[in-house]
Amino acid sequence: MVTHDVQAAPHRRRQVELGANPVKVPYGLQLVESCLSCPVREERVFCNLPPRAVQKLAAISSSATYPKGAILFVEGQEPRGVFVICNGRVKLTASSAEGKSLITRIAEAGEVVGLPATLSGKPYELTAEALEPIQANFVAREEFLQFLQENGEAALRVAELLSDIYHSAHRELRYLGLSGKAAQKLARFLLDFAGSQEAENGTIRATMTLTHEEIAEMVGASRETVTRLFGSFKKQQLIEVHGSTLIVKNKSGLQKLVEA
């Protein structure tokens, strides 16, 4: 298997041969040598396929590493195929004619980006940008569609992923359309973000790796407003932030803000 290290400058690539041991490459990434040995394979809907299907998918995939800020595809571009994220995170954004952008989803390791456009044949509806150095497997559109035709279970997983994308879009609409004030939007975002975590002694802990600017782009507010509200929520003892750890101390208080 050969992977390409894609530099920030266009067309500058260097091949890295993968041996028996993990290979360290620029950007501090630890490459995933095989889809079968991927550490997040069993945790992700699409990647957790039978070994035979995973081998077929690997055979039509092209692996590459990308630096932070690299663009995988652009809104309005004709669909070339999908990217399966091996490690790192990718933000998906929609842009307005005025140049404003809104983050609709953050894709993490094991997720697939570019799926709706690849299936429909219509232009990519979003721009995909690496939030940090990433490794991703690219699968060309025609080969991906053929793979789905030959692997029913993979097609079913794709249907589940489309459902997840739908719910993500619905959640984004709630931030923008159902919450009037910035405080409501941020409170709803924090509740949704920490919603999957279990409470301990009345508090909820979650890992928050998004910057204030990225959160602002998700809730439709300015970075300054988000920073100010984080400070306000801390003073009200609704939340605590320790490095990348978000602690929701008063869930009912945040819920009251949302319902206000």
Protein backbone atom coordinates (compact mmCIF):
# COMPACT_ATOMS: atom_id res chain seq x y z
CA MET A 1 0.00 0.00 0.00
CA VAL A 2 1.32 3.44 -0.90
CA THR A 3 0.21 6.72 0.59
CA HIS A 4 1.00 10.21 -0.59
CA ASP A 5 2.02 13.08 1.64
CA VAL A 6 0.24 16.09 0.17
CA GLN A 7 2.02 19.38 0.88
CA ALA A 8 0.32 22.76 1.17
CA ALA A 9 1.67 23.84 -2.23
CA PRO A 10 -0.24 22.32 -5.19
CA HIS A 11 1.15 19.20 -6.86
CA ARG A 12 4.01 18.76 -4.36
CA ARG A 13 3.82 15.12 -3.27
CA ARG A 14 6.22 12.61 -1.75
CA GLN A 15 5.55 8.87 -1.66
CA VAL A 16 5.89 6.99 1.62
CA GLU A 17 6.19 3.21 1.50
CA LEU A 18 4.43 1.49 4.38
CA GLY A 19 6.21 -1.46 5.96
CA ALA A 20 5.22 -3.82 8.75
CA ASN A 21 5.31 -1.12 11.45
CA PRO A 22 3.39 2.16 11.73
CA VAL A 23 5.07 4.94 9.77
CA LYS A 24 5.47 8.43 11.18
CA VAL A 25 5.06 11.14 8.59
CA PRO A 26 4.97 14.95 8.64
CA TYR A 27 2.15 16.69 10.57
CA GLY A 28 2.67 14.29 13.51
CA LEU A 29 0.29 11.69 12.09
CA GLN A 30 0.46 7.99 12.88
CA LEU A 31 -0.62 6.38 9.63
CA VAL A 32 -3.24 3.65 9.52
CA GLU A 33 -1.61 0.91 7.46
CA SER A 34 -4.68 -1.23 6.85
CA CYS A 35 -8.43 -0.69 7.09
CA LEU A 36 -8.67 -4.09 8.78
CA SER A 37 -6.41 -2.94 11.64
CA CYS A 38 -7.85 0.58 11.92
CA PRO A 39 -8.37 1.46 15.63
CA VAL A 40 -11.75 3.13 14.99
CA ARG A 41 -13.12 0.60 12.52
CA GLU A 42 -15.53 -1.08 14.93
CA GLU A 43 -16.74 2.26 16.30
CA ARG A 44 -17.89 3.74 12.98
CA VAL A 45 -20.99 2.77 11.03
CA PHE A 46 -19.41 2.66 7.58
CA CYS A 47 -16.00 1.23 8.48
CA ASN A 48 -17.40 -1.65 10.55
CA LEU A 49 -18.05 -3.86 7.54
CA PRO A 50 -17.27 -7.58 7.09
CA PRO A 51 -13.55 -8.18 6.36
CA ARG A 52 -14.22 -9.14 2.74
CA ALA A 53 -16.07 -5.87 2.07
CA VAL A 54 -13.33 -3.88 3.83
CA GLN A 55 -10.71 -5.54 1.63
CA LYS A 56 -12.69 -4.65 -1.50
CA LEU A 57 -13.03 -1.07 -0.33
CA ALA A 58 -9.31 -0.84 0.43
CA ALA A 59 -8.51 -2.11 -3.07
CA ILE A 60 -10.29 0.86 -4.68
CA SER A 61 -9.11 3.46 -2.15
CA SER A 62 -6.19 5.86 -2.44
CA SER A 63 -4.69 6.99 0.88
CA ALA A 64 -3.11 10.40 1.44
CA THR A 65 -2.14 12.76 4.25
CA TYR A 66 -3.19 16.41 4.23
CA PRO A 67 -1.97 19.40 6.27
CA LYS A 68 -4.26 21.59 8.37
CA GLY A 69 -6.28 23.86 6.10
CA ALA A 70 -6.13 21.54 3.09
CA ILE A 71 -9.29 21.58 0.96
CA LEU A 72 -10.67 18.17 -0.01
CA PHE A 73 -13.42 19.58 -2.21
CA VAL A 74 -15.20 22.88 -2.76
CA GLU A 75 -18.87 23.81 -2.68
CA GLY A 76 -20.21 23.75 -6.25
CA GLN A 77 -17.48 21.41 -7.56
CA GLU A 78 -18.54 18.39 -9.59
CA PRO A 79 -18.37 15.26 -7.38
CA ARG A 80 -15.18 13.24 -7.82
CA GLY A 81 -15.88 10.76 -5.03
CA VAL A 82 -15.88 10.33 -1.25
CA PHE A 83 -13.22 10.68 1.42
CA VAL A 84 -13.13 8.26 4.36
CA ILE A 85 -11.36 10.01 7.25
CA CYS A 86 -8.76 7.72 8.85
CA ASN A 87 -7.64 10.18 11.53
CA GLY A 88 -8.04 13.88 12.23
CA ARG A 89 -11.11 16.06 11.71
CA VAL A 90 -12.69 17.79 8.72
CA LYS A 91 -15.08 20.72 8.85
CA LEU A 92 -17.89 21.01 6.31
CA THR A 93 -18.98 24.57 5.59
CA ALA A 94 -21.57 26.40 3.53
CA SER A 95 -20.79 29.89 2.23
CA SER A 96 -22.91 32.90 1.33
CA ALA A 97 -22.44 35.32 -1.56
CA GLU A 98 -21.12 37.84 0.99
CA GLY A 99 -18.31 35.50 1.96
CA LYS A 100 -19.74 34.39 5.31
CA SER A 101 -19.33 30.73 6.19
CA LEU A 102 -21.26 28.38 8.44
CA ILE A 103 -19.96 25.06 9.75
CA THR A 104 -22.67 22.47 9.25
CA ARG A 105 -20.79 19.44 10.57
CA ILE A 106 -17.45 18.28 11.95
CA ALA A 107 -16.44 14.89 10.51
CA GLU A 108 -14.11 12.76 12.65
CA ALA A 109 -12.08 9.60 12.14
CA GLY A 110 -14.12 6.85 10.52
CA GLU A 111 -16.65 9.19 8.91
CA VAL A 112 -17.29 9.73 5.21
CA VAL A 113 -17.44 13.16 3.56
CA GLY A 114 -18.76 14.00 0.12
CA LEU A 115 -21.39 11.28 0.30
CA PRO A 116 -24.63 13.05 -0.80
CA ALA A 117 -23.05 14.62 -3.90
CA THR A 118 -21.26 11.41 -4.86
CA LEU A 119 -24.51 9.45 -4.73
CA SER A 120 -26.66 12.04 -6.50
CA GLY A 121 -24.14 13.18 -9.09
CA LYS A 122 -24.92 16.80 -8.20
CA PRO A 123 -22.17 19.28 -7.21
CA TYR A 124 -20.75 19.14 -3.70
CA GLU A 125 -23.09 21.18 -1.51
CA LEU A 126 -20.38 22.02 1.03
CA THR A 127 -16.66 22.73 1.28
CA ALA A 128 -14.54 20.18 3.17
CA GLU A 129 -11.44 21.54 4.94
CA ALA A 130 -8.99 19.76 7.24
CA LEU A 131 -9.27 21.19 10.76
CA GLU A 132 -5.94 19.60 11.59
CA PRO A 133 -3.49 17.26 9.79
CA ILE A 134 -5.46 14.26 8.54
CA GLN A 135 -5.14 10.96 6.73
CA ALA A 136 -7.99 10.09 4.39
CA ASN A 137 -8.85 7.40 1.87
CA PHE A 138 -10.29 8.71 -1.40
CA VAL A 139 -12.66 6.52 -3.46
CA ALA A 140 -13.58 7.69 -6.95
CA ARG A 141 -17.31 8.06 -7.64
CA GLU A 142 -17.78 5.33 -10.25
CA GLU A 143 -15.83 2.77 -8.24
CA PHE A 144 -17.70 3.71 -5.06
CA LEU A 145 -21.10 3.31 -6.72
CA GLN A 146 -20.05 -0.05 -8.14
CA PHE A 147 -18.86 -1.12 -4.67
CA LEU A 148 -22.27 -0.27 -3.19
CA GLN A 149 -24.07 -2.22 -5.93
CA GLU A 150 -21.99 -5.30 -5.15
CA ASN A 151 -22.12 -4.97 -1.34
CA GLY A 152 -25.62 -4.67 0.10
CA GLU A 153 -24.44 -4.24 3.68
CA ALA A 154 -22.26 -1.30 2.68
CA ALA A 155 -25.25 0.26 0.92
CA LEU A 156 -27.27 -0.12 4.13
CA ARG A 157 -24.51 1.60 6.09
CA VAL A 158 -24.57 4.46 3.59
CA ALA A 159 -28.31 4.84 4.23
CA GLU A 160 -27.54 5.12 7.96
CA LEU A 161 -24.90 7.76 7.25
CA LEU A 162 -27.36 9.77 5.17
CA SER A 163 -29.77 9.62 8.10
CA ASP A 164 -27.04 10.96 10.39
CA ILE A 165 -26.35 13.80 7.94
CA TYR A 166 -30.06 14.62 7.89
CA HIS A 167 -30.23 14.80 11.68
CA SER A 168 -27.09 16.94 11.75
CA ALA A 169 -28.69 19.37 9.31
CA HIS A 170 -31.87 19.41 11.41
CA ARG A 171 -29.83 20.21 14.52
CA GLU A 172 -28.11 23.05 12.67
CA LEU A 173 -31.50 24.47 11.70
CA ARG A 174 -32.50 24.47 15.36
CA TYR A 175 -29.44 26.54 16.25
CA LEU A 176 -30.18 29.09 13.54
CA GLY A 177 -33.95 29.11 13.26
CA LEU A 178 -35.41 28.17 16.64
CA SER A 179 -33.00 30.05 18.89
CA GLY A 180 -33.39 33.80 18.76
CA LYS A 181 -30.51 35.09 20.85
CA ALA A 182 -26.86 34.09 20.76
CA ALA A 183 -27.06 32.87 24.38
CA GLN A 184 -29.87 30.47 23.41
CA LYS A 185 -27.92 29.20 20.41
CA LEU A 186 -24.77 28.56 22.43
CA ALA A 187 -26.70 26.94 25.30
CA ARG A 188 -28.46 24.62 22.83
CA PHE A 189 -25.14 23.79 21.17
CA LEU A 190 -23.48 22.92 24.50
CA LEU A 191 -26.41 20.74 25.54
CA ASP A 192 -26.36 18.89 22.21
CA PHE A 193 -22.59 18.56 22.32
CA ALA A 194 -22.56 17.06 25.82
CA GLY A 195 -25.83 15.19 25.37
CA SER A 196 -24.26 11.82 24.60
CA GLN A 197 -22.11 11.84 27.74
CA GLU A 198 -23.23 10.34 31.04
CA ALA A 199 -23.55 12.60 34.07
CA GLU A 200 -21.38 11.99 37.15
CA ASN A 201 -22.34 13.66 40.44
CA GLY A 202 -24.65 15.99 38.56
CA THR A 203 -22.02 17.16 36.04
CA ILE A 204 -21.28 16.17 32.45
CA ARG A 205 -17.76 16.06 31.02
CA ALA A 206 -17.00 16.16 27.31
CA THR A 207 -13.89 16.79 25.24
CA MET A 208 -14.19 20.09 23.38
CA THR A 209 -11.53 20.54 20.70
CA LEU A 210 -13.36 23.24 18.74
CA THR A 211 -12.12 26.82 18.93
CA HIS A 212 -14.44 29.71 19.77
CA GLU A 213 -14.29 30.76 16.12
CA GLU A 214 -15.37 27.29 14.96
CA ILE A 215 -18.22 27.21 17.49
CA ALA A 216 -19.28 30.66 16.28
CA GLU A 217 -19.45 29.35 12.72
CA MET A 218 -21.68 26.50 13.89
CA VAL A 219 -24.20 28.63 15.82
CA GLY A 220 -24.26 31.67 13.54
CA ALA A 221 -22.61 34.16 15.89
CA SER A 222 -19.35 36.12 16.02
CA ARG A 223 -16.25 34.77 17.72
CA GLU A 224 -16.29 37.73 20.14
CA THR A 225 -19.87 36.93 21.14
CA VAL A 226 -19.06 33.27 21.77
CA THR A 227 -16.02 34.19 23.88
CA ARG A 228 -18.10 36.67 25.90
CA LEU A 229 -20.87 34.12 26.46
CA PHE A 230 -18.41 31.44 27.58
CA GLY A 231 -17.18 33.90 30.20
CA SER A 232 -20.76 34.67 31.23
CA PHE A 233 -21.69 30.98 31.50
CA LYS A 234 -18.63 30.38 33.66
CA LYS A 235 -19.55 33.25 36.01
CA GLN A 236 -23.06 31.83 36.31
CA GLN A 237 -21.46 28.45 37.14
CA LEU A 238 -23.28 26.81 34.28
CA ILE A 239 -20.05 25.40 32.83
CA GLU A 240 -16.34 25.03 33.45
CA VAL A 241 -13.59 24.71 30.86
CA HIS A 242 -10.24 23.11 31.66
CA GLY A 243 -8.10 22.89 28.55
CA SER A 244 -10.05 20.74 26.11
CA THR A 245 -12.46 19.49 28.79
CA LEU A 246 -15.93 21.02 28.94
CA ILE A 247 -17.82 20.48 32.18
CA VAL A 248 -21.56 21.17 32.24
CA LYS A 249 -22.23 21.94 35.90
CA ASN A 250 -25.83 23.12 35.60
CA LYS A 251 -27.69 21.38 32.79
CA SER A 252 -31.08 22.72 33.91
CA GLY A 253 -29.67 26.25 33.84
CA LEU A 254 -28.64 25.85 30.21
CA GLN A 255 -32.05 24.36 29.40
CA LYS A 256 -33.74 27.42 30.91
CA LEU A 257 -31.68 29.64 28.64
CA VAL A 258 -32.80 27.62 25.62
CA GLU A 259 -36.46 27.85 26.66
CA ALA A 260 -36.32 31.55 27.53
